[in-house]
Amino acid sequence: LRLGVLCDLLGRSVERDARDATVEQFLSRYRVDREHAKRVAEMAVELFRDARADAPVVACQQLQRAALLHETGFSVSHTGFHKHGAYILRNADMPGFSSGEQERLSWLVLGCRGGLAKVEPMLVDGDFRAQLCALRLAVIFHHARRPIAPLRLSLKVGSKIRFDVPARWLAR
């Protein structure tokens, strides 16, 4: 534990976070489409910041990492990739990540597709709710796996969720 804490603190002091290196390693190991993952991550973080004006930097980083890793399970199954990805992220050795951070990544990846009943225990957390909503929307918008024109989207997450898209875009 001490060695892990020291390595983590040292890595952060020289502006190299071990978690970012771990994410890069996972992207390679599980052959994740980096360009697609980056597009999803950018949109998800942008939507999250819109939804939570006071969004903590840590929460934005968590969401970015979850979005980058959301297709980790593709190497196992294309239909249930979110379930397999969540299992991998929950159980793999991920240098730099605490068990709580891994758990949160796992919950976000599990909830990025399909019904929400499986992540219901986490939905009481407002930040998680906003992160998950932003991630799900980003995954949906990038379903075609190609760049899309920038959109002016708006997301507000509280006791109710409000999502706005341009009327002209909807009409097309």
N, C-alpha and C. Protein backbone atom coordinates (compact mmCIF):
# COMPACT_ATOMS: atom_id res chain seq x y z
N LEU A 1 0.84 -1.19 0.00
CA LEU A 1 0.00 0.00 0.00
C LEU A 1 0.88 1.25 0.00
N ARG A 2 1.90 1.26 0.87
CA ARG A 2 2.78 2.42 0.93
C ARG A 2 3.48 2.66 -0.39
N LEU A 3 3.96 1.58 -1.01
CA LEU A 3 4.65 1.71 -2.28
C LEU A 3 3.71 2.27 -3.34
N GLY A 4 2.47 1.80 -3.36
CA GLY A 4 1.48 2.29 -4.32
C GLY A 4 1.19 3.76 -4.11
N VAL A 5 1.05 4.19 -2.87
CA VAL A 5 0.78 5.60 -2.57
C VAL A 5 1.97 6.45 -2.98
N LEU A 6 3.17 6.00 -2.66
CA LEU A 6 4.37 6.76 -3.02
C LEU A 6 4.52 6.89 -4.54
N CYS A 7 4.30 5.79 -5.27
CA CYS A 7 4.39 5.84 -6.73
C CYS A 7 3.34 6.77 -7.31
N ASP A 8 2.14 6.73 -6.74
CA ASP A 8 1.06 7.59 -7.21
C ASP A 8 1.40 9.05 -6.98
N LEU A 9 1.86 9.37 -5.78
CA LEU A 9 2.21 10.76 -5.47
C LEU A 9 3.38 11.25 -6.30
N LEU A 10 4.39 10.40 -6.48
CA LEU A 10 5.54 10.76 -7.28
C LEU A 10 5.12 10.99 -8.73
N GLY A 11 4.30 10.09 -9.25
CA GLY A 11 3.83 10.23 -10.63
C GLY A 11 3.07 11.52 -10.84
N ARG A 12 2.24 11.89 -9.89
CA ARG A 12 1.45 13.11 -10.03
C ARG A 12 2.32 14.35 -9.90
N SER A 13 3.40 14.27 -9.11
CA SER A 13 4.25 15.44 -8.92
C SER A 13 5.08 15.75 -10.15
N VAL A 14 5.32 14.75 -11.00
CA VAL A 14 6.07 14.99 -12.24
C VAL A 14 5.12 15.03 -13.43
N GLU A 15 3.88 15.32 -13.16
CA GLU A 15 2.84 15.47 -14.17
C GLU A 15 2.65 14.24 -15.03
N ARG A 16 2.82 13.07 -14.44
CA ARG A 16 2.54 11.82 -15.14
C ARG A 16 1.73 10.95 -14.20
N ASP A 17 0.46 10.88 -14.45
CA ASP A 17 -0.44 10.12 -13.60
C ASP A 17 -0.42 8.66 -14.04
N ALA A 18 -0.17 7.77 -13.10
CA ALA A 18 -0.11 6.34 -13.41
C ALA A 18 -1.42 5.84 -13.99
N ARG A 19 -2.53 6.48 -13.63
CA ARG A 19 -3.84 6.06 -14.14
C ARG A 19 -3.93 6.30 -15.65
N ASP A 20 -3.35 7.39 -16.12
CA ASP A 20 -3.38 7.65 -17.57
C ASP A 20 -2.56 6.60 -18.32
N ALA A 21 -1.43 6.22 -17.75
CA ALA A 21 -0.61 5.16 -18.37
C ALA A 21 -1.38 3.84 -18.39
N THR A 22 -2.11 3.56 -17.32
CA THR A 22 -2.91 2.34 -17.26
C THR A 22 -4.01 2.36 -18.31
N VAL A 23 -4.68 3.50 -18.46
CA VAL A 23 -5.72 3.62 -19.48
C VAL A 23 -5.12 3.37 -20.86
N GLU A 24 -3.98 3.97 -21.14
CA GLU A 24 -3.32 3.76 -22.43
C GLU A 24 -3.00 2.29 -22.65
N GLN A 25 -2.53 1.64 -21.60
CA GLN A 25 -2.19 0.22 -21.70
C GLN A 25 -3.44 -0.61 -22.00
N PHE A 26 -4.57 -0.29 -21.36
CA PHE A 26 -5.82 -1.01 -21.59
C PHE A 26 -6.34 -0.77 -23.00
N LEU A 27 -6.19 0.45 -23.50
CA LEU A 27 -6.64 0.74 -24.86
C LEU A 27 -5.89 -0.15 -25.86
N SER A 28 -4.61 -0.34 -25.63
CA SER A 28 -3.81 -1.21 -26.50
C SER A 28 -4.15 -2.68 -26.29
N ARG A 29 -4.16 -3.10 -25.04
CA ARG A 29 -4.38 -4.52 -24.72
C ARG A 29 -5.71 -5.02 -25.25
N TYR A 30 -6.76 -4.22 -25.13
CA TYR A 30 -8.10 -4.65 -25.54
C TYR A 30 -8.49 -4.12 -26.91
N ARG A 31 -7.52 -3.59 -27.63
CA ARG A 31 -7.69 -3.13 -29.01
C ARG A 31 -8.90 -2.22 -29.18
N VAL A 32 -8.98 -1.24 -28.30
CA VAL A 32 -10.06 -0.26 -28.36
C VAL A 32 -9.78 0.73 -29.49
N ASP A 33 -10.80 1.08 -30.24
CA ASP A 33 -10.69 2.09 -31.30
C ASP A 33 -10.46 3.44 -30.62
N ARG A 34 -9.21 3.89 -30.59
CA ARG A 34 -8.84 5.10 -29.85
C ARG A 34 -9.56 6.35 -30.34
N GLU A 35 -9.65 6.53 -31.64
CA GLU A 35 -10.28 7.73 -32.19
C GLU A 35 -11.75 7.79 -31.78
N HIS A 36 -12.43 6.67 -31.89
CA HIS A 36 -13.83 6.62 -31.49
C HIS A 36 -13.96 6.88 -29.98
N ALA A 37 -13.11 6.25 -29.20
CA ALA A 37 -13.15 6.42 -27.74
C ALA A 37 -12.90 7.88 -27.36
N LYS A 38 -11.98 8.53 -28.04
CA LYS A 38 -11.68 9.95 -27.76
C LYS A 38 -12.88 10.83 -28.09
N ARG A 39 -13.55 10.55 -29.20
CA ARG A 39 -14.74 11.34 -29.57
C ARG A 39 -15.84 11.18 -28.51
N VAL A 40 -16.05 9.96 -28.08
CA VAL A 40 -17.06 9.70 -27.05
C VAL A 40 -16.67 10.41 -25.76
N ALA A 41 -15.41 10.32 -25.38
CA ALA A 41 -14.94 10.94 -24.14
C ALA A 41 -15.10 12.46 -24.18
N GLU A 42 -14.73 13.07 -25.30
CA GLU A 42 -14.86 14.53 -25.41
C GLU A 42 -16.30 14.98 -25.26
N MET A 43 -17.21 14.30 -25.94
CA MET A 43 -18.62 14.69 -25.84
C MET A 43 -19.16 14.42 -24.45
N ALA A 44 -18.81 13.29 -23.86
CA ALA A 44 -19.30 12.96 -22.53
C ALA A 44 -18.87 13.99 -21.50
N VAL A 45 -17.61 14.37 -21.53
CA VAL A 45 -17.10 15.36 -20.57
C VAL A 45 -17.76 16.71 -20.80
N GLU A 46 -17.93 17.09 -22.05
CA GLU A 46 -18.58 18.36 -22.37
C GLU A 46 -20.02 18.38 -21.84
N LEU A 47 -20.75 17.30 -22.06
CA LEU A 47 -22.13 17.21 -21.56
C LEU A 47 -22.17 17.21 -20.03
N PHE A 48 -21.23 16.52 -19.42
CA PHE A 48 -21.18 16.46 -17.95
C PHE A 48 -20.91 17.84 -17.37
N ARG A 49 -19.99 18.56 -17.97
CA ARG A 49 -19.69 19.93 -17.48
C ARG A 49 -20.90 20.84 -17.66
N ASP A 50 -21.68 20.62 -18.71
CA ASP A 50 -22.89 21.39 -18.91
C ASP A 50 -23.94 21.02 -17.85
N ALA A 51 -24.03 19.73 -17.56
CA ALA A 51 -25.03 19.24 -16.60
C ALA A 51 -24.70 19.66 -15.18
N ARG A 52 -23.43 19.68 -14.85
CA ARG A 52 -22.97 20.02 -13.50
C ARG A 52 -21.97 21.16 -13.60
N ALA A 53 -22.46 22.36 -13.52
CA ALA A 53 -21.60 23.54 -13.63
C ALA A 53 -20.47 23.51 -12.60
N ASP A 54 -20.75 22.92 -11.46
CA ASP A 54 -19.76 22.84 -10.39
C ASP A 54 -19.03 21.49 -10.39
N ALA A 55 -18.96 20.87 -11.55
CA ALA A 55 -18.38 19.53 -11.67
C ALA A 55 -16.94 19.51 -11.16
N PRO A 56 -16.65 18.63 -10.20
CA PRO A 56 -15.27 18.51 -9.72
C PRO A 56 -14.36 17.95 -10.82
N VAL A 57 -13.12 18.39 -10.84
CA VAL A 57 -12.15 17.92 -11.83
C VAL A 57 -12.02 16.40 -11.77
N VAL A 58 -12.03 15.86 -10.56
CA VAL A 58 -11.90 14.40 -10.38
C VAL A 58 -13.03 13.67 -11.09
N ALA A 59 -14.24 14.19 -10.98
CA ALA A 59 -15.40 13.56 -11.63
C ALA A 59 -15.27 13.62 -13.15
N CYS A 60 -14.74 14.72 -13.67
CA CYS A 60 -14.53 14.85 -15.12
C CYS A 60 -13.48 13.84 -15.58
N GLN A 61 -12.42 13.69 -14.80
CA GLN A 61 -11.37 12.71 -15.14
C GLN A 61 -11.92 11.29 -15.10
N GLN A 62 -12.73 10.99 -14.09
CA GLN A 62 -13.35 9.65 -14.01
C GLN A 62 -14.18 9.36 -15.24
N LEU A 63 -15.00 10.33 -15.61
CA LEU A 63 -15.86 10.15 -16.78
C LEU A 63 -15.04 10.00 -18.05
N GLN A 64 -14.01 10.80 -18.20
CA GLN A 64 -13.16 10.70 -19.38
C GLN A 64 -12.54 9.31 -19.48
N ARG A 65 -12.03 8.81 -18.37
CA ARG A 65 -11.41 7.48 -18.37
C ARG A 65 -12.44 6.39 -18.66
N ALA A 66 -13.62 6.52 -18.07
CA ALA A 66 -14.68 5.53 -18.33
C ALA A 66 -15.08 5.54 -19.80
N ALA A 67 -15.19 6.74 -20.38
CA ALA A 67 -15.56 6.86 -21.79
C ALA A 67 -14.48 6.26 -22.68
N LEU A 68 -13.23 6.50 -22.36
CA LEU A 68 -12.14 5.92 -23.14
C LEU A 68 -12.16 4.40 -23.08
N LEU A 69 -12.55 3.86 -21.92
CA LEU A 69 -12.51 2.41 -21.71
C LEU A 69 -13.86 1.73 -21.91
N HIS A 70 -14.88 2.46 -22.35
CA HIS A 70 -16.22 1.88 -22.39
C HIS A 70 -16.36 0.70 -23.34
N GLU A 71 -15.46 0.56 -24.31
CA GLU A 71 -15.52 -0.57 -25.23
C GLU A 71 -14.47 -1.65 -24.94
N THR A 72 -13.95 -1.65 -23.75
CA THR A 72 -12.96 -2.66 -23.36
C THR A 72 -13.50 -4.07 -23.56
N GLY A 73 -14.77 -4.26 -23.31
CA GLY A 73 -15.39 -5.59 -23.42
C GLY A 73 -15.66 -6.05 -24.84
N PHE A 74 -15.40 -5.21 -25.86
CA PHE A 74 -15.59 -5.61 -27.26
C PHE A 74 -14.76 -6.82 -27.62
N SER A 75 -13.62 -6.99 -26.95
CA SER A 75 -12.76 -8.14 -27.26
C SER A 75 -13.41 -9.45 -26.84
N VAL A 76 -14.46 -9.37 -26.02
CA VAL A 76 -15.18 -10.58 -25.57
C VAL A 76 -16.49 -10.74 -26.32
N SER A 77 -17.27 -9.65 -26.43
CA SER A 77 -18.58 -9.74 -27.06
C SER A 77 -19.01 -8.37 -27.58
N HIS A 78 -19.57 -8.34 -28.78
CA HIS A 78 -20.04 -7.07 -29.33
C HIS A 78 -21.41 -6.69 -28.79
N THR A 79 -22.21 -7.66 -28.39
CA THR A 79 -23.55 -7.32 -27.89
C THR A 79 -23.54 -7.00 -26.40
N GLY A 80 -22.77 -7.70 -25.63
CA GLY A 80 -22.72 -7.47 -24.19
C GLY A 80 -21.43 -6.83 -23.74
N PHE A 81 -20.84 -6.01 -24.62
CA PHE A 81 -19.52 -5.46 -24.33
C PHE A 81 -19.49 -4.65 -23.05
N HIS A 82 -20.59 -3.98 -22.73
CA HIS A 82 -20.61 -3.16 -21.52
C HIS A 82 -20.53 -4.02 -20.26
N LYS A 83 -21.15 -5.19 -20.29
CA LYS A 83 -21.09 -6.11 -19.14
C LYS A 83 -19.68 -6.68 -18.98
N HIS A 84 -19.10 -7.10 -20.09
CA HIS A 84 -17.76 -7.67 -20.05
C HIS A 84 -16.72 -6.61 -19.69
N GLY A 85 -16.90 -5.42 -20.24
CA GLY A 85 -15.99 -4.32 -19.92
C GLY A 85 -16.05 -3.97 -18.44
N ALA A 86 -17.27 -3.94 -17.89
CA ALA A 86 -17.43 -3.65 -16.46
C ALA A 86 -16.73 -4.71 -15.62
N TYR A 87 -16.87 -5.98 -16.01
CA TYR A 87 -16.21 -7.07 -15.27
C TYR A 87 -14.69 -6.91 -15.33
N ILE A 88 -14.17 -6.63 -16.51
CA ILE A 88 -12.72 -6.46 -16.68
C ILE A 88 -12.23 -5.31 -15.79
N LEU A 89 -12.91 -4.17 -15.87
CA LEU A 89 -12.46 -3.01 -15.10
C LEU A 89 -12.59 -3.22 -13.60
N ARG A 90 -13.55 -4.00 -13.17
CA ARG A 90 -13.73 -4.24 -11.74
C ARG A 90 -12.67 -5.20 -11.21
N ASN A 91 -12.21 -6.13 -12.04
CA ASN A 91 -11.37 -7.21 -11.55
C ASN A 91 -9.91 -7.18 -12.00
N ALA A 92 -9.58 -6.36 -12.97
CA ALA A 92 -8.21 -6.33 -13.48
C ALA A 92 -7.29 -5.56 -12.53
N ASP A 93 -6.01 -5.85 -12.62
CA ASP A 93 -5.01 -5.04 -11.92
C ASP A 93 -4.87 -3.76 -12.72
N MET A 94 -5.15 -2.64 -12.07
CA MET A 94 -5.08 -1.34 -12.75
C MET A 94 -4.19 -0.41 -11.93
N PRO A 95 -2.88 -0.42 -12.19
CA PRO A 95 -1.96 0.42 -11.42
C PRO A 95 -2.38 1.88 -11.41
N GLY A 96 -2.34 2.47 -10.22
CA GLY A 96 -2.70 3.87 -10.04
C GLY A 96 -4.14 4.08 -9.59
N PHE A 97 -5.01 3.11 -9.86
CA PHE A 97 -6.42 3.23 -9.49
C PHE A 97 -6.66 2.59 -8.13
N SER A 98 -7.41 3.28 -7.29
CA SER A 98 -7.85 2.67 -6.03
C SER A 98 -8.99 1.71 -6.36
N SER A 99 -9.33 0.86 -5.42
CA SER A 99 -10.44 -0.08 -5.66
C SER A 99 -11.74 0.69 -5.86
N GLY A 100 -11.91 1.80 -5.16
CA GLY A 100 -13.11 2.61 -5.33
C GLY A 100 -13.19 3.25 -6.71
N GLU A 101 -12.05 3.70 -7.22
CA GLU A 101 -12.02 4.28 -8.56
C GLU A 101 -12.33 3.23 -9.63
N GLN A 102 -11.77 2.04 -9.45
CA GLN A 102 -12.06 0.95 -10.38
C GLN A 102 -13.53 0.60 -10.35
N GLU A 103 -14.10 0.56 -9.16
CA GLU A 103 -15.52 0.24 -9.01
C GLU A 103 -16.38 1.27 -9.74
N ARG A 104 -16.04 2.53 -9.59
CA ARG A 104 -16.81 3.60 -10.25
C ARG A 104 -16.71 3.49 -11.77
N LEU A 105 -15.50 3.26 -12.28
CA LEU A 105 -15.33 3.04 -13.72
C LEU A 105 -16.20 1.88 -14.19
N SER A 106 -16.19 0.82 -13.41
CA SER A 106 -16.96 -0.37 -13.74
C SER A 106 -18.45 -0.07 -13.81
N TRP A 107 -18.97 0.66 -12.84
CA TRP A 107 -20.39 1.02 -12.83
C TRP A 107 -20.74 1.88 -14.04
N LEU A 108 -19.88 2.84 -14.38
CA LEU A 108 -20.15 3.71 -15.52
C LEU A 108 -20.17 2.92 -16.83
N VAL A 109 -19.21 2.03 -16.99
CA VAL A 109 -19.17 1.22 -18.21
C VAL A 109 -20.37 0.27 -18.26
N LEU A 110 -20.73 -0.31 -17.15
CA LEU A 110 -21.90 -1.20 -17.11
C LEU A 110 -23.17 -0.45 -17.52
N GLY A 111 -23.30 0.79 -17.09
CA GLY A 111 -24.50 1.55 -17.36
C GLY A 111 -24.52 2.29 -18.68
N CYS A 112 -23.45 2.19 -19.47
CA CYS A 112 -23.40 2.98 -20.70
C CYS A 112 -24.38 2.48 -21.76
N ARG A 113 -24.91 1.27 -21.58
CA ARG A 113 -25.90 0.70 -22.51
C ARG A 113 -26.90 -0.12 -21.73
N GLY A 114 -28.04 -0.34 -22.35
CA GLY A 114 -29.05 -1.22 -21.77
C GLY A 114 -29.86 -0.54 -20.67
N GLY A 115 -30.61 -1.36 -19.94
CA GLY A 115 -31.47 -0.86 -18.87
C GLY A 115 -30.67 -0.30 -17.70
N LEU A 116 -31.36 0.50 -16.90
CA LEU A 116 -30.69 1.15 -15.76
C LEU A 116 -30.86 0.39 -14.45
N ALA A 117 -31.67 -0.65 -14.44
CA ALA A 117 -31.90 -1.39 -13.20
C ALA A 117 -30.59 -1.94 -12.62
N LYS A 118 -29.67 -2.30 -13.49
CA LYS A 118 -28.41 -2.89 -13.04
C LYS A 118 -27.50 -1.90 -12.32
N VAL A 119 -27.72 -0.60 -12.53
CA VAL A 119 -26.91 0.42 -11.86
C VAL A 119 -27.73 1.24 -10.86
N GLU A 120 -28.92 0.78 -10.58
CA GLU A 120 -29.83 1.53 -9.71
C GLU A 120 -29.23 1.94 -8.37
N PRO A 121 -28.45 1.09 -7.71
CA PRO A 121 -27.88 1.51 -6.42
C PRO A 121 -27.00 2.76 -6.52
N MET A 122 -26.41 2.99 -7.66
CA MET A 122 -25.51 4.13 -7.84
C MET A 122 -26.25 5.41 -8.24
N LEU A 123 -27.48 5.30 -8.66
CA LEU A 123 -28.21 6.46 -9.18
C LEU A 123 -28.60 7.47 -8.11
N VAL A 124 -28.41 7.13 -6.84
CA VAL A 124 -28.69 8.09 -5.77
C VAL A 124 -27.62 9.19 -5.72
N ASP A 125 -26.45 8.91 -6.27
CA ASP A 125 -25.34 9.86 -6.32
C ASP A 125 -25.56 10.80 -7.51
N GLY A 126 -25.74 12.09 -7.25
CA GLY A 126 -26.01 13.06 -8.29
C GLY A 126 -24.92 13.16 -9.34
N ASP A 127 -23.66 13.13 -8.91
CA ASP A 127 -22.56 13.18 -9.88
C ASP A 127 -22.56 11.95 -10.77
N PHE A 128 -22.79 10.79 -10.16
CA PHE A 128 -22.83 9.56 -10.96
C PHE A 128 -23.96 9.61 -11.98
N ARG A 129 -25.13 10.07 -11.54
CA ARG A 129 -26.28 10.18 -12.43
C ARG A 129 -25.94 11.06 -13.64
N ALA A 130 -25.32 12.20 -13.39
CA ALA A 130 -24.95 13.12 -14.46
C ALA A 130 -23.85 12.51 -15.35
N GLN A 131 -22.86 11.85 -14.74
CA GLN A 131 -21.80 11.19 -15.51
C GLN A 131 -22.40 10.13 -16.43
N LEU A 132 -23.27 9.31 -15.87
CA LEU A 132 -23.85 8.22 -16.63
C LEU A 132 -24.72 8.74 -17.77
N CYS A 133 -25.51 9.75 -17.50
CA CYS A 133 -26.36 10.33 -18.53
C CYS A 133 -25.50 10.90 -19.66
N ALA A 134 -24.45 11.60 -19.32
CA ALA A 134 -23.55 12.18 -20.32
C ALA A 134 -22.87 11.07 -21.14
N LEU A 135 -22.44 10.03 -20.48
CA LEU A 135 -21.78 8.92 -21.17
C LEU A 135 -22.75 8.20 -22.11
N ARG A 136 -23.94 7.92 -21.64
CA ARG A 136 -24.93 7.22 -22.47
C ARG A 136 -25.27 8.05 -23.72
N LEU A 137 -25.45 9.34 -23.54
CA LEU A 137 -25.75 10.21 -24.68
C LEU A 137 -24.59 10.24 -25.67
N ALA A 138 -23.38 10.35 -25.16
CA ALA A 138 -22.20 10.37 -26.04
C ALA A 138 -22.07 9.06 -26.82
N VAL A 139 -22.34 7.94 -26.17
CA VAL A 139 -22.29 6.64 -26.85
C VAL A 139 -23.35 6.58 -27.94
N ILE A 140 -24.54 7.08 -27.65
CA ILE A 140 -25.63 7.07 -28.64
C ILE A 140 -25.28 7.97 -29.84
N PHE A 141 -24.81 9.18 -29.56
CA PHE A 141 -24.50 10.10 -30.65
C PHE A 141 -23.36 9.60 -31.53
N HIS A 142 -22.47 8.82 -30.96
CA HIS A 142 -21.32 8.32 -31.74
C HIS A 142 -21.49 6.86 -32.15
N HIS A 143 -22.72 6.41 -32.18
CA HIS A 143 -23.01 5.02 -32.53
C HIS A 143 -22.49 4.65 -33.93
N ALA A 144 -22.52 5.60 -34.85
CA ALA A 144 -22.07 5.33 -36.22
C ALA A 144 -20.55 5.22 -36.33
N ARG A 145 -19.84 5.54 -35.26
CA ARG A 145 -18.38 5.36 -35.19
C ARG A 145 -17.61 6.25 -36.15
N ARG A 146 -18.15 7.40 -36.45
CA ARG A 146 -17.43 8.36 -37.29
C ARG A 146 -17.64 9.75 -36.71
N PRO A 147 -16.76 10.67 -37.06
CA PRO A 147 -16.90 12.03 -36.51
C PRO A 147 -18.24 12.65 -36.90
N ILE A 148 -18.79 13.43 -35.98
CA ILE A 148 -20.03 14.14 -36.26
C ILE A 148 -19.75 15.64 -36.15
N ALA A 149 -20.55 16.41 -36.85
CA ALA A 149 -20.40 17.87 -36.79
C ALA A 149 -20.69 18.34 -35.37
N PRO A 150 -19.96 19.33 -34.89
CA PRO A 150 -20.22 19.83 -33.54
C PRO A 150 -21.68 20.29 -33.38
N LEU A 151 -22.26 19.94 -32.27
CA LEU A 151 -23.65 20.29 -31.98
C LEU A 151 -23.69 21.14 -30.71
N ARG A 152 -24.67 22.01 -30.64
CA ARG A 152 -24.90 22.74 -29.40
C ARG A 152 -25.92 21.96 -28.59
N LEU A 153 -25.42 21.11 -27.72
CA LEU A 153 -26.28 20.28 -26.89
C LEU A 153 -26.33 20.87 -25.49
N SER A 154 -27.42 20.61 -24.81
CA SER A 154 -27.55 21.08 -23.44
C SER A 154 -28.09 19.95 -22.58
N LEU A 155 -27.47 19.75 -21.43
CA LEU A 155 -27.89 18.69 -20.51
C LEU A 155 -27.96 19.25 -19.11
N LYS A 156 -29.05 19.03 -18.45
CA LYS A 156 -29.22 19.41 -17.04
C LYS A 156 -29.72 18.17 -16.30
N VAL A 157 -29.02 17.81 -15.24
CA VAL A 157 -29.39 16.63 -14.47
C VAL A 157 -29.59 17.03 -13.03
N GLY A 158 -30.77 16.83 -12.54
CA GLY A 158 -31.11 17.07 -11.15
C GLY A 158 -32.11 15.99 -10.76
N SER A 159 -33.21 16.39 -10.15
CA SER A 159 -34.25 15.40 -9.87
C SER A 159 -34.93 15.00 -11.18
N LYS A 160 -34.81 15.87 -12.20
CA LYS A 160 -35.29 15.58 -13.55
C LYS A 160 -34.12 15.78 -14.50
N ILE A 161 -34.20 15.15 -15.65
CA ILE A 161 -33.17 15.29 -16.67
C ILE A 161 -33.75 16.08 -17.83
N ARG A 162 -33.00 17.10 -18.26
CA ARG A 162 -33.42 17.90 -19.41
C ARG A 162 -32.28 17.89 -20.42
N PHE A 163 -32.62 17.46 -21.62
CA PHE A 163 -31.64 17.38 -22.70
C PHE A 163 -32.20 18.12 -23.91
N ASP A 164 -31.46 19.09 -24.41
CA ASP A 164 -31.89 19.88 -25.55
C ASP A 164 -30.91 19.70 -26.72
N VAL A 165 -31.50 19.54 -27.91
CA VAL A 165 -30.72 19.49 -29.14
C VAL A 165 -31.32 20.53 -30.09
N PRO A 166 -30.54 21.05 -31.03
CA PRO A 166 -31.06 22.04 -31.96
C PRO A 166 -32.23 21.49 -32.78
N ALA A 167 -33.28 22.28 -32.94
CA ALA A 167 -34.47 21.85 -33.69
C ALA A 167 -34.12 21.54 -35.15
N ARG A 168 -33.23 22.33 -35.74
CA ARG A 168 -32.83 22.11 -37.13
C ARG A 168 -32.16 20.73 -37.28
N TRP A 169 -31.33 20.38 -36.33
CA TRP A 169 -30.65 19.08 -36.38
C TRP A 169 -31.69 17.95 -36.26
N LEU A 170 -32.66 18.11 -35.36
CA LEU A 170 -33.71 17.10 -35.21
C LEU A 170 -34.53 16.94 -36.49
N ALA A 171 -34.82 18.06 -37.13
CA ALA A 171 -35.61 18.02 -38.35
C ALA A 171 -34.90 17.25 -39.46
N ARG A 172 -33.57 17.37 -39.50
CA ARG A 172 -32.79 16.63 -40.51
C ARG A 172 -32.76 15.17 -40.16
